[in-house]
Amino acid sequence: MEEIRHVLLAHLDDHYRFYGMDAGARIARKHIAWYTKGLVGSAAFRRGMNQLNTAVEQVAAIDRYFGELSGNGARLVYDDNENAEEALAA
């Protein structure tokens, strides 16, 4: 979990620097979705992420989400129901 969180935050740091904080926060949403797709609770996390408007809010939300996931141990936990949930939402 920690490795994904670290790589995601490093990617976003580069992303915010390249695009700027405002545009970077809007564009970053799809990148955040790629890193979290399939993880437990990630559909709800991404819905919430799409409501955040600043890079600071995004980083704080990522820290909270991965902090919650770390309670499951150092291993990734995937949610088999997420794909069904996303199919129903489409």
N, C-alpha and C. Protein backbone atom coordinates (compact mmCIF):
# COMPACT_ATOMS: atom_id res chain seq x y z
N MET A 1 0.81 -1.19 0.00
CA MET A 1 0.00 0.00 0.00
C MET A 1 0.86 1.26 0.00
N GLU A 2 1.87 1.24 0.84
CA GLU A 2 2.72 2.43 0.97
C GLU A 2 3.43 2.75 -0.34
N GLU A 3 3.81 1.74 -1.08
CA GLU A 3 4.50 1.98 -2.35
C GLU A 3 3.56 2.66 -3.36
N ILE A 4 2.32 2.20 -3.44
CA ILE A 4 1.37 2.83 -4.35
C ILE A 4 1.12 4.28 -3.94
N ARG A 5 0.91 4.50 -2.65
CA ARG A 5 0.69 5.85 -2.15
C ARG A 5 1.88 6.75 -2.50
N HIS A 6 3.08 6.26 -2.27
CA HIS A 6 4.29 7.04 -2.53
C HIS A 6 4.41 7.37 -4.03
N VAL A 7 4.22 6.40 -4.89
CA VAL A 7 4.33 6.62 -6.34
C VAL A 7 3.23 7.57 -6.81
N LEU A 8 2.01 7.39 -6.31
CA LEU A 8 0.90 8.28 -6.69
C LEU A 8 1.21 9.71 -6.28
N LEU A 9 1.65 9.93 -5.05
CA LEU A 9 1.92 11.30 -4.60
C LEU A 9 3.10 11.92 -5.36
N ALA A 10 4.11 11.13 -5.69
CA ALA A 10 5.22 11.66 -6.49
C ALA A 10 4.75 12.04 -7.89
N HIS A 11 3.90 11.20 -8.47
CA HIS A 11 3.34 11.48 -9.79
C HIS A 11 2.53 12.77 -9.74
N LEU A 12 1.69 12.92 -8.71
CA LEU A 12 0.86 14.12 -8.60
C LEU A 12 1.71 15.36 -8.37
N ASP A 13 2.78 15.24 -7.60
CA ASP A 13 3.66 16.39 -7.38
C ASP A 13 4.22 16.87 -8.72
N ASP A 14 4.70 15.95 -9.53
CA ASP A 14 5.19 16.31 -10.87
C ASP A 14 4.07 16.90 -11.71
N HIS A 15 2.90 16.31 -11.60
CA HIS A 15 1.73 16.74 -12.37
C HIS A 15 1.34 18.18 -12.01
N TYR A 16 1.27 18.49 -10.70
CA TYR A 16 0.90 19.84 -10.25
C TYR A 16 1.95 20.85 -10.68
N ARG A 17 3.21 20.47 -10.62
CA ARG A 17 4.28 21.38 -11.05
C ARG A 17 4.19 21.69 -12.55
N PHE A 18 3.86 20.68 -13.34
CA PHE A 18 3.81 20.85 -14.79
C PHE A 18 2.60 21.69 -15.21
N TYR A 19 1.41 21.35 -14.69
CA TYR A 19 0.17 22.01 -15.11
C TYR A 19 -0.21 23.21 -14.26
N GLY A 20 0.40 23.36 -13.09
CA GLY A 20 -0.01 24.37 -12.14
C GLY A 20 -1.02 23.75 -11.17
N MET A 21 -1.19 24.40 -10.05
CA MET A 21 -2.01 23.81 -8.99
C MET A 21 -3.49 23.71 -9.37
N ASP A 22 -4.04 24.72 -10.00
CA ASP A 22 -5.47 24.70 -10.31
C ASP A 22 -5.80 23.72 -11.43
N ALA A 23 -5.18 23.89 -12.58
CA ALA A 23 -5.44 22.97 -13.70
C ALA A 23 -4.97 21.57 -13.34
N GLY A 24 -3.85 21.48 -12.63
CA GLY A 24 -3.33 20.18 -12.24
C GLY A 24 -4.30 19.40 -11.38
N ALA A 25 -5.00 20.08 -10.47
CA ALA A 25 -5.97 19.40 -9.61
C ALA A 25 -7.13 18.84 -10.42
N ARG A 26 -7.58 19.58 -11.42
CA ARG A 26 -8.69 19.08 -12.26
C ARG A 26 -8.23 17.89 -13.10
N ILE A 27 -7.07 18.01 -13.70
CA ILE A 27 -6.58 16.96 -14.59
C ILE A 27 -6.15 15.73 -13.80
N ALA A 28 -5.71 15.90 -12.58
CA ALA A 28 -5.18 14.80 -11.77
C ALA A 28 -6.23 13.75 -11.43
N ARG A 29 -7.50 14.11 -11.48
CA ARG A 29 -8.55 13.18 -11.07
C ARG A 29 -8.47 11.85 -11.81
N LYS A 30 -8.23 11.88 -13.11
CA LYS A 30 -8.17 10.63 -13.87
C LYS A 30 -6.96 9.80 -13.48
N HIS A 31 -5.86 10.46 -13.15
CA HIS A 31 -4.66 9.74 -12.74
C HIS A 31 -4.87 9.06 -11.38
N ILE A 32 -5.52 9.77 -10.49
CA ILE A 32 -5.83 9.21 -9.17
C ILE A 32 -6.73 8.00 -9.34
N ALA A 33 -7.69 8.09 -10.24
CA ALA A 33 -8.60 6.96 -10.49
C ALA A 33 -7.82 5.74 -10.99
N TRP A 34 -6.84 5.95 -11.84
CA TRP A 34 -6.05 4.83 -12.37
C TRP A 34 -5.31 4.09 -11.25
N TYR A 35 -4.77 4.85 -10.31
CA TYR A 35 -4.00 4.24 -9.23
C TYR A 35 -4.89 3.49 -8.24
N THR A 36 -6.14 3.89 -8.11
CA THR A 36 -7.00 3.31 -7.07
C THR A 36 -8.05 2.34 -7.59
N LYS A 37 -8.22 2.25 -8.89
CA LYS A 37 -9.26 1.40 -9.46
C LYS A 37 -9.13 -0.04 -8.95
N GLY A 38 -10.24 -0.54 -8.47
CA GLY A 38 -10.29 -1.92 -8.01
C GLY A 38 -9.98 -2.11 -6.54
N LEU A 39 -9.41 -1.09 -5.88
CA LEU A 39 -9.10 -1.23 -4.46
C LEU A 39 -10.39 -1.10 -3.64
N VAL A 40 -10.39 -1.70 -2.48
CA VAL A 40 -11.56 -1.67 -1.60
C VAL A 40 -11.97 -0.22 -1.32
N GLY A 41 -13.23 0.08 -1.56
CA GLY A 41 -13.76 1.41 -1.29
C GLY A 41 -13.36 2.48 -2.28
N SER A 42 -12.72 2.09 -3.36
CA SER A 42 -12.18 3.11 -4.27
C SER A 42 -13.26 3.81 -5.10
N ALA A 43 -14.37 3.15 -5.37
CA ALA A 43 -15.44 3.82 -6.14
C ALA A 43 -15.95 5.03 -5.35
N ALA A 44 -16.22 4.83 -4.07
CA ALA A 44 -16.68 5.94 -3.23
C ALA A 44 -15.58 6.99 -3.08
N PHE A 45 -14.34 6.54 -2.93
CA PHE A 45 -13.21 7.47 -2.83
C PHE A 45 -13.13 8.35 -4.08
N ARG A 46 -13.25 7.74 -5.24
CA ARG A 46 -13.15 8.51 -6.49
C ARG A 46 -14.31 9.49 -6.64
N ARG A 47 -15.52 9.08 -6.24
CA ARG A 47 -16.65 10.01 -6.28
C ARG A 47 -16.36 11.24 -5.42
N GLY A 48 -15.82 11.01 -4.24
CA GLY A 48 -15.46 12.12 -3.37
C GLY A 48 -14.32 12.95 -3.95
N MET A 49 -13.37 12.28 -4.54
CA MET A 49 -12.21 12.97 -5.14
C MET A 49 -12.67 13.92 -6.24
N ASN A 50 -13.68 13.54 -6.98
CA ASN A 50 -14.16 14.38 -8.08
C ASN A 50 -14.82 15.67 -7.59
N GLN A 51 -15.09 15.76 -6.30
CA GLN A 51 -15.68 16.97 -5.73
C GLN A 51 -14.62 17.94 -5.19
N LEU A 52 -13.38 17.48 -5.09
CA LEU A 52 -12.31 18.30 -4.52
C LEU A 52 -11.72 19.21 -5.60
N ASN A 53 -11.44 20.45 -5.22
CA ASN A 53 -11.00 21.44 -6.21
C ASN A 53 -9.55 21.86 -6.10
N THR A 54 -8.87 21.43 -5.03
CA THR A 54 -7.48 21.88 -4.88
C THR A 54 -6.54 20.69 -4.71
N ALA A 55 -5.29 20.92 -5.05
CA ALA A 55 -4.27 19.89 -4.88
C ALA A 55 -4.10 19.53 -3.41
N VAL A 56 -4.19 20.52 -2.53
CA VAL A 56 -4.04 20.27 -1.08
C VAL A 56 -5.15 19.33 -0.60
N GLU A 57 -6.38 19.56 -1.04
CA GLU A 57 -7.49 18.68 -0.67
C GLU A 57 -7.28 17.27 -1.21
N GLN A 58 -6.79 17.17 -2.44
CA GLN A 58 -6.56 15.86 -3.04
C GLN A 58 -5.51 15.07 -2.26
N VAL A 59 -4.41 15.71 -1.94
CA VAL A 59 -3.34 15.03 -1.21
C VAL A 59 -3.83 14.58 0.16
N ALA A 60 -4.60 15.42 0.84
CA ALA A 60 -5.13 15.05 2.16
C ALA A 60 -6.08 13.86 2.04
N ALA A 61 -6.92 13.85 1.01
CA ALA A 61 -7.86 12.75 0.80
C ALA A 61 -7.11 11.45 0.49
N ILE A 62 -6.06 11.54 -0.30
CA ILE A 62 -5.24 10.36 -0.62
C ILE A 62 -4.59 9.82 0.64
N ASP A 63 -4.06 10.70 1.47
CA ASP A 63 -3.44 10.26 2.72
C ASP A 63 -4.46 9.56 3.61
N ARG A 64 -5.67 10.11 3.71
CA ARG A 64 -6.72 9.48 4.53
C ARG A 64 -7.09 8.11 3.97
N TYR A 65 -7.32 8.06 2.66
CA TYR A 65 -7.75 6.81 2.03
C TYR A 65 -6.71 5.71 2.21
N PHE A 66 -5.46 6.01 1.89
CA PHE A 66 -4.42 4.99 2.03
C PHE A 66 -4.14 4.68 3.49
N GLY A 67 -4.37 5.63 4.39
CA GLY A 67 -4.26 5.36 5.81
C GLY A 67 -5.29 4.33 6.25
N GLU A 68 -6.51 4.48 5.73
CA GLU A 68 -7.57 3.51 6.04
C GLU A 68 -7.22 2.14 5.45
N LEU A 69 -6.72 2.13 4.24
CA LEU A 69 -6.36 0.86 3.61
C LEU A 69 -5.21 0.17 4.34
N SER A 70 -4.31 0.94 4.90
CA SER A 70 -3.18 0.33 5.59
C SER A 70 -3.63 -0.46 6.80
N GLY A 71 -4.84 -0.20 7.29
CA GLY A 71 -5.41 -1.00 8.37
C GLY A 71 -5.64 -2.44 7.95
N ASN A 72 -5.67 -2.68 6.63
CA ASN A 72 -5.83 -4.03 6.10
C ASN A 72 -4.49 -4.75 5.96
N GLY A 73 -3.42 -4.09 6.36
CA GLY A 73 -2.09 -4.67 6.22
C GLY A 73 -1.35 -4.05 5.06
N ALA A 74 -0.17 -4.53 4.79
CA ALA A 74 0.68 -3.96 3.75
C ALA A 74 0.30 -4.45 2.36
N ARG A 75 -0.61 -5.42 2.28
CA ARG A 75 -0.97 -6.00 0.99
C ARG A 75 -2.16 -5.27 0.38
N LEU A 76 -2.24 -5.31 -0.92
CA LEU A 76 -3.38 -4.74 -1.62
C LEU A 76 -4.61 -5.60 -1.39
N VAL A 77 -5.73 -4.94 -1.25
CA VAL A 77 -7.00 -5.64 -1.13
C VAL A 77 -7.89 -5.09 -2.24
N TYR A 78 -8.29 -5.96 -3.13
CA TYR A 78 -9.14 -5.55 -4.25
C TYR A 78 -10.59 -5.89 -3.95
N ASP A 79 -11.47 -5.10 -4.52
CA ASP A 79 -12.90 -5.26 -4.32
C ASP A 79 -13.51 -5.81 -5.60
N ASP A 80 -13.89 -7.08 -5.60
CA ASP A 80 -14.48 -7.70 -6.78
C ASP A 80 -15.82 -7.08 -7.14
N ASN A 81 -16.50 -6.48 -6.18
CA ASN A 81 -17.80 -5.88 -6.44
C ASN A 81 -17.71 -4.52 -7.11
N GLU A 82 -16.53 -3.92 -7.10
CA GLU A 82 -16.40 -2.58 -7.68
C GLU A 82 -16.73 -2.58 -9.16
N ASN A 83 -16.27 -3.56 -9.89
CA ASN A 83 -16.54 -3.58 -11.32
C ASN A 83 -18.04 -3.67 -11.58
N ALA A 84 -18.76 -4.44 -10.78
CA ALA A 84 -20.21 -4.52 -10.92
C ALA A 84 -20.86 -3.19 -10.59
N GLU A 85 -20.37 -2.53 -9.54
CA GLU A 85 -20.90 -1.24 -9.14
C GLU A 85 -20.70 -0.20 -10.24
N GLU A 86 -19.51 -0.20 -10.86
CA GLU A 86 -19.24 0.75 -11.94
C GLU A 86 -20.09 0.45 -13.17
N ALA A 87 -20.34 -0.81 -13.46
CA ALA A 87 -21.17 -1.18 -14.61
C ALA A 87 -22.59 -0.68 -14.41
N LEU A 88 -23.10 -0.75 -13.20
CA LEU A 88 -24.45 -0.27 -12.93
C LEU A 88 -24.54 1.24 -13.04
N ALA A 89 -23.46 1.94 -12.69
CA ALA A 89 -23.45 3.39 -12.75
C ALA A 89 -23.34 3.91 -14.17
N ALA A 90 -22.86 3.10 -15.10
CA ALA A 90 -22.65 3.55 -16.48
C ALA A 90 -23.94 3.65 -17.25
